[in-house]
Amino acid sequence: MKSLISVFSPLKENASEEALMRLRCDSQSMNYYGDLSRYISKNILGFETLSLLDVGPRTGSGLALLRLLHHPTAFTRLKLDPVYGIDLDPEFQRIAESEFEDIYPMTGDIFDLNAKSYDVVTCSHTIEHIPDLDPFIEQMANIARRAVVIACPFEEVNRVPGHVNTITQELFDKHDFIDVEVYDSNHWHNGVCCLAFRKIG
């Protein structure tokens, strides 16, 4: 098994490109999921404990931070428990099972999940990679009981390699998102990102 490196591990001068990419992905993900934490709390009011599924967590570091920020024993008003993640890449499950014991990782496709299985479904910086976007968003709504929350680049002018969609307000209007917050991200070189909230039921 390959040795794992996280954003908190000391980085050697001769670190491999794989290790450097992991570091970049971990730190970027934690930044995005910090944004998600604040945004979810803004849109779900009251003292509650809700289950959460994250779609496309990559290494899981951002999801682990979200779990920590809304841990059942934390002072936070909104608690997330249990917390699941699902990714097509089995590497996510391998890393999460080794490093993040209090999240439940799955390898698979969201189209194989049952309807109304999780209170909140989140998806951070994944939809811009999905070719057939409309059914993907509707399936997230199908498996959610309370809300779908999406984070992604907004109106990306020069798409980076791997991004196959430019996300606009029209997309969110089409799928009944009731709140869209556009902001300048300090962890995205094209600058502008957004958070979008859809209430279910």
Foldseek 3Di string as FASTA:
>chain_A
DDDDDALPHDADPPHDPVNVVRNLLLVLLLLQLVVVLVVVPVVDDAQDEWEEEEEACPQCNNVLNSQVVQPPPDPDRYHYPQYEYEYCDCNNVVNCVVPPVRYHYYHDDLVPDAFCQTAEYEYEADLQLDPPRPVVVVSNLRNHDFKYKYKHAAQQDDDDPRGPDHDYPVVCVVVAFPDKAWFFRPSDVSGIMIMTMHTHD
